[in-house]
């Protein structure tokens, strides 16, 4: 991971929603990817891949909440939150609002488009906070 990407990961606050388990929140200031967070929790490679593919995850940075899912996509493809997981985000949205002080001014995105390795990937599919309330 190049230094700019490491700095970006350190600044953002990562989270993962696992249905029937709860909200997993990455430690502030740590550059861990979602994969690393799950591995640090003791999940094996197959379990990590399953969570990344099937459950909502994302981050908060600079009053921007980004939520997505999926794993192993090619450049210019997207990681997007699937409609069947909107329920789980709604279930934990109040917690996310409280943790990150989400307001009507917070930009919320339901995906990222994969760019080049080492780049910060652009966000896609903007919604209002009311979408999850």
N, C-alpha and C. Protein backbone atom coordinates (compact mmCIF):
# COMPACT_ATOMS: atom_id res chain seq x y z
N UNK A 1 0.86 -1.17 0.00
CA UNK A 1 0.00 0.00 0.00
C UNK A 1 0.90 1.23 0.00
N UNK A 2 0.70 2.13 -0.99
CA UNK A 2 1.52 3.33 -1.04
C UNK A 2 1.14 4.28 0.11
N UNK A 3 1.99 5.25 0.37
CA UNK A 3 1.80 6.11 1.53
C UNK A 3 0.51 6.94 1.45
N UNK A 4 0.16 7.44 0.27
CA UNK A 4 -1.06 8.23 0.13
C UNK A 4 -2.28 7.39 0.46
N UNK A 5 -2.30 6.15 -0.02
CA UNK A 5 -3.42 5.26 0.25
C UNK A 5 -3.45 4.86 1.73
N UNK A 6 -2.28 4.64 2.31
CA UNK A 6 -2.20 4.31 3.73
C UNK A 6 -2.73 5.47 4.57
N UNK A 7 -2.37 6.70 4.19
CA UNK A 7 -2.86 7.88 4.90
C UNK A 7 -4.38 7.99 4.79
N UNK A 8 -4.91 7.74 3.59
CA UNK A 8 -6.35 7.78 3.37
C UNK A 8 -7.06 6.76 4.26
N UNK A 9 -6.55 5.54 4.27
CA UNK A 9 -7.15 4.49 5.11
C UNK A 9 -7.05 4.84 6.59
N UNK A 10 -6.00 5.52 6.99
CA UNK A 10 -5.85 5.92 8.39
C UNK A 10 -6.83 7.01 8.78
N UNK A 11 -7.20 7.87 7.84
CA UNK A 11 -8.09 8.99 8.12
C UNK A 11 -9.55 8.58 8.15
N UNK A 12 -9.92 7.61 7.32
CA UNK A 12 -11.32 7.21 7.26
C UNK A 12 -11.61 6.22 8.39
N UNK A 13 -12.89 6.12 8.74
CA UNK A 13 -13.31 5.19 9.79
C UNK A 13 -14.10 4.07 9.13
N UNK A 14 -13.54 2.89 9.11
CA UNK A 14 -14.15 1.74 8.44
C UNK A 14 -15.18 1.07 9.34
N UNK A 15 -16.19 0.46 8.70
CA UNK A 15 -17.18 -0.32 9.44
C UNK A 15 -17.67 -1.47 8.57
N UNK A 16 -18.19 -2.49 9.22
CA UNK A 16 -18.76 -3.66 8.56
C UNK A 16 -20.04 -4.01 9.31
N UNK A 17 -21.10 -4.32 8.57
CA UNK A 17 -22.35 -4.76 9.18
C UNK A 17 -22.51 -6.25 8.88
N UNK A 18 -22.57 -7.05 9.92
CA UNK A 18 -22.80 -8.48 9.75
C UNK A 18 -24.17 -8.79 10.37
N UNK A 19 -25.14 -9.17 9.52
CA UNK A 19 -26.48 -9.46 10.02
C UNK A 19 -26.46 -10.45 11.18
N UNK A 20 -27.30 -10.20 12.16
CA UNK A 20 -27.45 -11.04 13.34
C UNK A 20 -26.20 -11.08 14.22
N UNK A 21 -25.21 -10.25 13.90
CA UNK A 21 -24.01 -10.11 14.73
C UNK A 21 -23.91 -8.67 15.22
N UNK A 22 -23.89 -7.74 14.26
CA UNK A 22 -23.84 -6.34 14.63
C UNK A 22 -22.94 -5.51 13.75
N UNK A 23 -22.61 -4.36 14.27
CA UNK A 23 -21.79 -3.37 13.59
C UNK A 23 -20.36 -3.50 14.11
N UNK A 24 -19.43 -3.73 13.21
CA UNK A 24 -18.01 -3.81 13.56
C UNK A 24 -17.38 -2.51 13.12
N UNK A 25 -16.72 -1.84 14.03
CA UNK A 25 -16.15 -0.53 13.76
C UNK A 25 -14.63 -0.62 13.85
N UNK A 26 -13.96 -0.22 12.78
CA UNK A 26 -12.50 -0.19 12.79
C UNK A 26 -11.99 0.89 13.73
N UNK A 27 -10.82 0.66 14.26
CA UNK A 27 -10.22 1.61 15.19
C UNK A 27 -9.80 2.89 14.47
N UNK A 28 -10.05 4.04 15.09
CA UNK A 28 -9.65 5.33 14.52
C UNK A 28 -8.14 5.36 14.32
N UNK A 29 -7.73 5.93 13.20
CA UNK A 29 -6.31 6.13 12.94
C UNK A 29 -5.56 4.91 12.44
N UNK A 30 -6.24 3.79 12.29
CA UNK A 30 -5.58 2.58 11.79
C UNK A 30 -5.79 2.44 10.29
N UNK A 31 -4.77 2.03 9.55
CA UNK A 31 -4.88 1.94 8.09
C UNK A 31 -5.43 0.60 7.59
N UNK A 32 -6.11 -0.15 8.46
CA UNK A 32 -6.55 -1.49 8.08
C UNK A 32 -7.67 -1.46 7.05
N UNK A 33 -7.56 -2.33 6.05
CA UNK A 33 -8.64 -2.54 5.10
C UNK A 33 -9.72 -3.37 5.80
N UNK A 34 -10.88 -3.47 5.16
CA UNK A 34 -11.94 -4.31 5.72
C UNK A 34 -11.48 -5.76 5.82
N UNK A 35 -10.74 -6.21 4.83
CA UNK A 35 -10.20 -7.57 4.84
C UNK A 35 -9.30 -7.78 6.06
N UNK A 36 -8.45 -6.80 6.33
CA UNK A 36 -7.54 -6.90 7.48
C UNK A 36 -8.31 -6.87 8.80
N UNK A 37 -9.34 -6.05 8.88
CA UNK A 37 -10.15 -6.00 10.10
C UNK A 37 -10.76 -7.37 10.37
N UNK A 38 -11.35 -7.96 9.35
CA UNK A 38 -11.99 -9.27 9.52
C UNK A 38 -10.97 -10.35 9.85
N UNK A 39 -9.81 -10.30 9.22
CA UNK A 39 -8.75 -11.26 9.52
C UNK A 39 -8.28 -11.10 10.96
N UNK A 40 -8.14 -9.85 11.40
CA UNK A 40 -7.72 -9.58 12.79
C UNK A 40 -8.75 -10.08 13.80
N UNK A 41 -10.01 -10.20 13.36
CA UNK A 41 -11.06 -10.74 14.24
C UNK A 41 -11.02 -12.27 14.32
N UNK A 42 -10.20 -12.88 13.46
CA UNK A 42 -10.06 -14.33 13.50
C UNK A 42 -10.79 -15.08 12.40
N UNK A 43 -11.39 -14.37 11.44
CA UNK A 43 -12.05 -15.06 10.34
C UNK A 43 -11.01 -15.62 9.39
N UNK A 44 -11.29 -16.80 8.83
CA UNK A 44 -10.36 -17.38 7.86
C UNK A 44 -10.62 -16.76 6.48
N UNK A 45 -9.78 -17.11 5.52
CA UNK A 45 -9.83 -16.50 4.19
C UNK A 45 -11.20 -16.66 3.53
N UNK A 46 -11.80 -17.83 3.64
CA UNK A 46 -13.11 -18.07 3.04
C UNK A 46 -14.21 -17.27 3.73
N UNK A 47 -14.16 -17.19 5.04
CA UNK A 47 -15.14 -16.40 5.79
C UNK A 47 -15.03 -14.92 5.44
N UNK A 48 -13.81 -14.43 5.34
CA UNK A 48 -13.58 -13.03 4.98
C UNK A 48 -14.17 -12.75 3.60
N UNK A 49 -13.87 -13.60 2.64
CA UNK A 49 -14.39 -13.42 1.29
C UNK A 49 -15.91 -13.42 1.28
N UNK A 50 -16.52 -14.29 2.07
CA UNK A 50 -17.98 -14.36 2.14
C UNK A 50 -18.56 -13.06 2.69
N UNK A 51 -17.99 -12.55 3.77
CA UNK A 51 -18.48 -11.31 4.38
C UNK A 51 -18.33 -10.15 3.40
N UNK A 52 -17.18 -10.04 2.76
CA UNK A 52 -16.94 -8.94 1.83
C UNK A 52 -17.91 -8.98 0.64
N UNK A 53 -18.22 -10.16 0.17
CA UNK A 53 -19.11 -10.32 -0.98
C UNK A 53 -20.57 -10.06 -0.62
N UNK A 54 -20.98 -10.46 0.58
CA UNK A 54 -22.41 -10.52 0.89
C UNK A 54 -22.95 -9.52 1.89
N UNK A 55 -22.10 -8.84 2.64
CA UNK A 55 -22.59 -7.95 3.69
C UNK A 55 -22.13 -6.52 3.48
N UNK A 56 -22.91 -5.56 3.98
CA UNK A 56 -22.54 -4.14 3.83
C UNK A 56 -21.28 -3.79 4.60
N UNK A 57 -20.48 -2.97 3.98
CA UNK A 57 -19.31 -2.39 4.66
C UNK A 57 -19.11 -1.00 4.09
N UNK A 58 -18.23 -0.25 4.71
CA UNK A 58 -17.99 1.08 4.19
C UNK A 58 -17.08 1.87 5.10
N UNK A 59 -17.19 3.18 4.95
CA UNK A 59 -16.35 4.07 5.74
C UNK A 59 -16.99 5.45 5.83
N UNK A 60 -16.49 6.22 6.79
CA UNK A 60 -16.91 7.60 6.96
C UNK A 60 -15.66 8.46 6.95
N UNK A 61 -15.70 9.54 6.15
CA UNK A 61 -14.57 10.46 6.07
C UNK A 61 -15.07 11.79 5.52
N UNK A 62 -14.69 12.86 6.19
CA UNK A 62 -15.01 14.22 5.72
C UNK A 62 -16.49 14.40 5.42
N UNK A 63 -17.32 13.98 6.35
CA UNK A 63 -18.78 14.09 6.26
C UNK A 63 -19.34 13.36 5.03
N UNK A 64 -18.68 12.27 4.67
CA UNK A 64 -19.13 11.42 3.57
C UNK A 64 -19.19 9.99 4.08
N UNK A 65 -20.39 9.38 3.95
CA UNK A 65 -20.61 7.99 4.33
C UNK A 65 -20.71 7.18 3.04
N UNK A 66 -19.86 6.16 2.94
CA UNK A 66 -19.82 5.32 1.74
C UNK A 66 -20.10 3.88 2.17
N UNK A 67 -21.11 3.26 1.54
CA UNK A 67 -21.53 1.91 1.91
C UNK A 67 -21.56 1.06 0.63
N UNK A 68 -20.99 -0.13 0.71
CA UNK A 68 -20.93 -0.99 -0.46
C UNK A 68 -20.74 -2.43 -0.03
N UNK A 69 -20.63 -3.32 -1.00
CA UNK A 69 -20.30 -4.71 -0.75
C UNK A 69 -19.75 -5.28 -2.05
N UNK A 70 -19.21 -6.44 -2.00
CA UNK A 70 -18.67 -7.19 -3.13
C UNK A 70 -17.18 -7.41 -2.89
N UNK A 71 -16.62 -8.24 -3.75
CA UNK A 71 -15.21 -8.60 -3.60
C UNK A 71 -14.67 -8.97 -4.97
N UNK A 72 -13.42 -8.79 -5.17
CA UNK A 72 -12.73 -9.23 -6.39
C UNK A 72 -13.40 -8.76 -7.67
N UNK A 73 -13.37 -7.46 -7.89
CA UNK A 73 -13.90 -6.91 -9.14
C UNK A 73 -12.74 -6.37 -9.97
N UNK A 74 -13.00 -6.18 -11.24
CA UNK A 74 -11.98 -5.66 -12.15
C UNK A 74 -12.04 -4.14 -12.18
N UNK A 75 -10.96 -3.54 -12.64
CA UNK A 75 -10.90 -2.09 -12.77
C UNK A 75 -12.08 -1.59 -13.60
N UNK A 76 -12.67 -0.48 -13.20
CA UNK A 76 -13.84 0.18 -13.79
C UNK A 76 -15.16 -0.52 -13.49
N UNK A 77 -15.14 -1.63 -12.76
CA UNK A 77 -16.37 -2.23 -12.25
C UNK A 77 -16.65 -1.59 -10.89
N UNK A 78 -17.82 -1.92 -10.32
CA UNK A 78 -18.21 -1.25 -9.09
C UNK A 78 -18.53 -2.22 -7.97
N UNK A 79 -18.23 -1.76 -6.77
CA UNK A 79 -18.71 -2.40 -5.55
C UNK A 79 -19.94 -1.59 -5.16
N UNK A 80 -21.11 -2.21 -5.19
CA UNK A 80 -22.34 -1.49 -4.87
C UNK A 80 -23.12 -2.23 -3.80
N UNK A 81 -23.82 -1.47 -2.96
CA UNK A 81 -24.69 -2.07 -1.97
C UNK A 81 -25.90 -2.67 -2.68
N UNK A 82 -26.15 -3.94 -2.45
CA UNK A 82 -27.27 -4.62 -3.08
C UNK A 82 -28.56 -4.33 -2.32
N UNK A 83 -29.68 -4.20 -3.04
CA UNK A 83 -30.95 -3.86 -2.39
C UNK A 83 -31.35 -4.81 -1.26
N UNK A 84 -31.00 -6.07 -1.35
CA UNK A 84 -31.36 -7.00 -0.27
C UNK A 84 -30.65 -6.67 1.04
N UNK A 85 -29.65 -5.81 1.00
CA UNK A 85 -28.96 -5.42 2.22
C UNK A 85 -29.34 -4.03 2.73
N UNK A 86 -30.24 -3.34 2.04
CA UNK A 86 -30.71 -2.04 2.53
C UNK A 86 -31.30 -2.21 3.93
N UNK A 87 -32.02 -3.30 4.16
CA UNK A 87 -32.64 -3.56 5.46
C UNK A 87 -31.60 -3.50 6.59
N UNK A 88 -30.45 -4.14 6.37
CA UNK A 88 -29.44 -4.19 7.43
C UNK A 88 -28.81 -2.83 7.68
N UNK A 89 -28.65 -2.04 6.62
CA UNK A 89 -28.13 -0.69 6.82
C UNK A 89 -29.16 0.14 7.59
N UNK A 90 -30.44 0.00 7.22
CA UNK A 90 -31.49 0.72 7.95
C UNK A 90 -31.49 0.32 9.43
N UNK A 91 -31.29 -0.95 9.70
CA UNK A 91 -31.28 -1.46 11.07
C UNK A 91 -30.20 -0.78 11.92
N UNK A 92 -29.07 -0.48 11.31
CA UNK A 92 -27.94 0.11 12.04
C UNK A 92 -27.71 1.58 11.71
N UNK A 93 -28.61 2.18 10.93
CA UNK A 93 -28.38 3.55 10.50
C UNK A 93 -28.35 4.54 11.66
N UNK A 94 -29.22 4.36 12.64
CA UNK A 94 -29.20 5.26 13.78
C UNK A 94 -27.87 5.18 14.52
N UNK A 95 -27.31 3.99 14.63
CA UNK A 95 -25.99 3.84 15.25
C UNK A 95 -24.93 4.58 14.42
N UNK A 96 -24.99 4.44 13.10
CA UNK A 96 -24.04 5.14 12.23
C UNK A 96 -24.21 6.65 12.37
N UNK A 97 -25.47 7.11 12.43
CA UNK A 97 -25.72 8.54 12.62
C UNK A 97 -25.11 9.05 13.92
N UNK A 98 -25.29 8.30 14.98
CA UNK A 98 -24.76 8.71 16.28
C UNK A 98 -23.23 8.68 16.29
N UNK A 99 -22.65 7.64 15.74
CA UNK A 99 -21.19 7.50 15.73
C UNK A 99 -20.51 8.60 14.91
N UNK A 100 -21.08 8.86 13.74
CA UNK A 100 -20.41 9.75 12.78
C UNK A 100 -21.05 11.14 12.71
N UNK A 101 -22.07 11.40 13.53
CA UNK A 101 -22.76 12.70 13.54
C UNK A 101 -23.29 13.05 12.15
N UNK A 102 -23.99 12.08 11.56
CA UNK A 102 -24.57 12.25 10.23
C UNK A 102 -25.74 13.23 10.31
N UNK A 103 -25.75 14.17 9.38
CA UNK A 103 -26.82 15.16 9.28
C UNK A 103 -27.36 15.16 7.84
N UNK A 104 -28.29 16.06 7.57
CA UNK A 104 -28.82 16.19 6.22
C UNK A 104 -27.74 16.66 5.24
N UNK A 105 -26.68 17.24 5.76
CA UNK A 105 -25.58 17.71 4.90
C UNK A 105 -24.56 16.62 4.58
N UNK A 106 -24.66 15.48 5.25
CA UNK A 106 -23.74 14.38 5.00
C UNK A 106 -24.04 13.78 3.62
N UNK A 107 -23.01 13.59 2.84
CA UNK A 107 -23.15 12.94 1.54
C UNK A 107 -23.09 11.43 1.79
N UNK A 108 -24.04 10.70 1.20
CA UNK A 108 -24.11 9.25 1.38
C UNK A 108 -24.07 8.60 0.00
N UNK A 109 -23.20 7.62 -0.15
CA UNK A 109 -23.03 6.92 -1.42
C UNK A 109 -23.17 5.42 -1.19
N UNK A 110 -23.76 4.74 -2.19
CA UNK A 110 -24.01 3.30 -2.08
C UNK A 110 -23.11 2.52 -3.02
N UNK A 111 -21.88 2.97 -3.17
CA UNK A 111 -20.94 2.23 -3.99
C UNK A 111 -19.69 3.02 -4.30
N UNK A 112 -18.71 2.28 -4.82
CA UNK A 112 -17.46 2.86 -5.31
C UNK A 112 -17.12 2.17 -6.62
N UNK A 113 -16.50 2.93 -7.51
CA UNK A 113 -16.04 2.35 -8.77
C UNK A 113 -14.56 2.08 -8.64
N UNK A 114 -14.17 0.85 -8.94
CA UNK A 114 -12.77 0.48 -8.80
C UNK A 114 -11.91 1.21 -9.83
N UNK A 115 -10.89 1.84 -9.31
CA UNK A 115 -9.91 2.49 -10.17
C UNK A 115 -8.64 1.68 -10.17
N UNK A 116 -7.56 2.34 -10.44
CA UNK A 116 -6.25 1.67 -10.46
C UNK A 116 -5.84 1.32 -9.03
N UNK A 117 -5.10 0.25 -8.90
CA UNK A 117 -4.57 -0.17 -7.59
C UNK A 117 -3.73 0.97 -7.03
N UNK A 118 -4.02 1.34 -5.79
CA UNK A 118 -3.30 2.43 -5.14
C UNK A 118 -3.99 3.78 -5.25
N UNK A 119 -5.00 3.89 -6.12
CA UNK A 119 -5.78 5.12 -6.23
C UNK A 119 -6.94 5.10 -5.25
N UNK A 120 -7.48 6.27 -4.96
CA UNK A 120 -8.71 6.36 -4.18
C UNK A 120 -9.86 6.27 -5.17
N UNK A 121 -10.75 5.32 -4.96
CA UNK A 121 -11.79 5.01 -5.94
C UNK A 121 -12.96 5.97 -5.80
N UNK A 122 -13.53 6.42 -6.93
CA UNK A 122 -14.64 7.37 -6.88
C UNK A 122 -15.93 6.74 -6.33
N UNK A 123 -16.69 7.54 -5.62
CA UNK A 123 -17.97 7.10 -5.05
C UNK A 123 -19.07 7.23 -6.11
N UNK A 124 -20.11 6.39 -5.97
CA UNK A 124 -21.23 6.39 -6.91
C UNK A 124 -22.55 6.21 -6.14
N UNK A 125 -23.66 6.43 -6.82
CA UNK A 125 -25.01 6.17 -6.30
C UNK A 125 -25.33 6.97 -5.03
N UNK A 126 -25.33 8.28 -5.15
CA UNK A 126 -25.62 9.13 -4.00
C UNK A 126 -27.10 9.06 -3.61
N UNK A 127 -27.36 8.99 -2.30
CA UNK A 127 -28.71 9.02 -1.75
C UNK A 127 -28.76 10.01 -0.60
N UNK A 128 -29.95 10.36 -0.19
CA UNK A 128 -30.16 11.22 0.98
C UNK A 128 -30.22 10.35 2.24
N UNK A 129 -29.97 10.96 3.39
CA UNK A 129 -30.05 10.22 4.66
C UNK A 129 -31.44 9.61 4.85
N UNK A 130 -32.46 10.28 4.36
CA UNK A 130 -33.84 9.80 4.49
C UNK A 130 -34.03 8.42 3.84
N UNK A 131 -33.18 8.05 2.92
CA UNK A 131 -33.26 6.75 2.25
C UNK A 131 -33.19 5.61 3.26
N UNK A 132 -32.45 5.82 4.36
CA UNK A 132 -32.27 4.76 5.36
C UNK A 132 -33.08 5.01 6.63
N UNK A 133 -33.86 6.06 6.68
CA UNK A 133 -34.61 6.36 7.91
C UNK A 133 -36.03 5.87 7.84
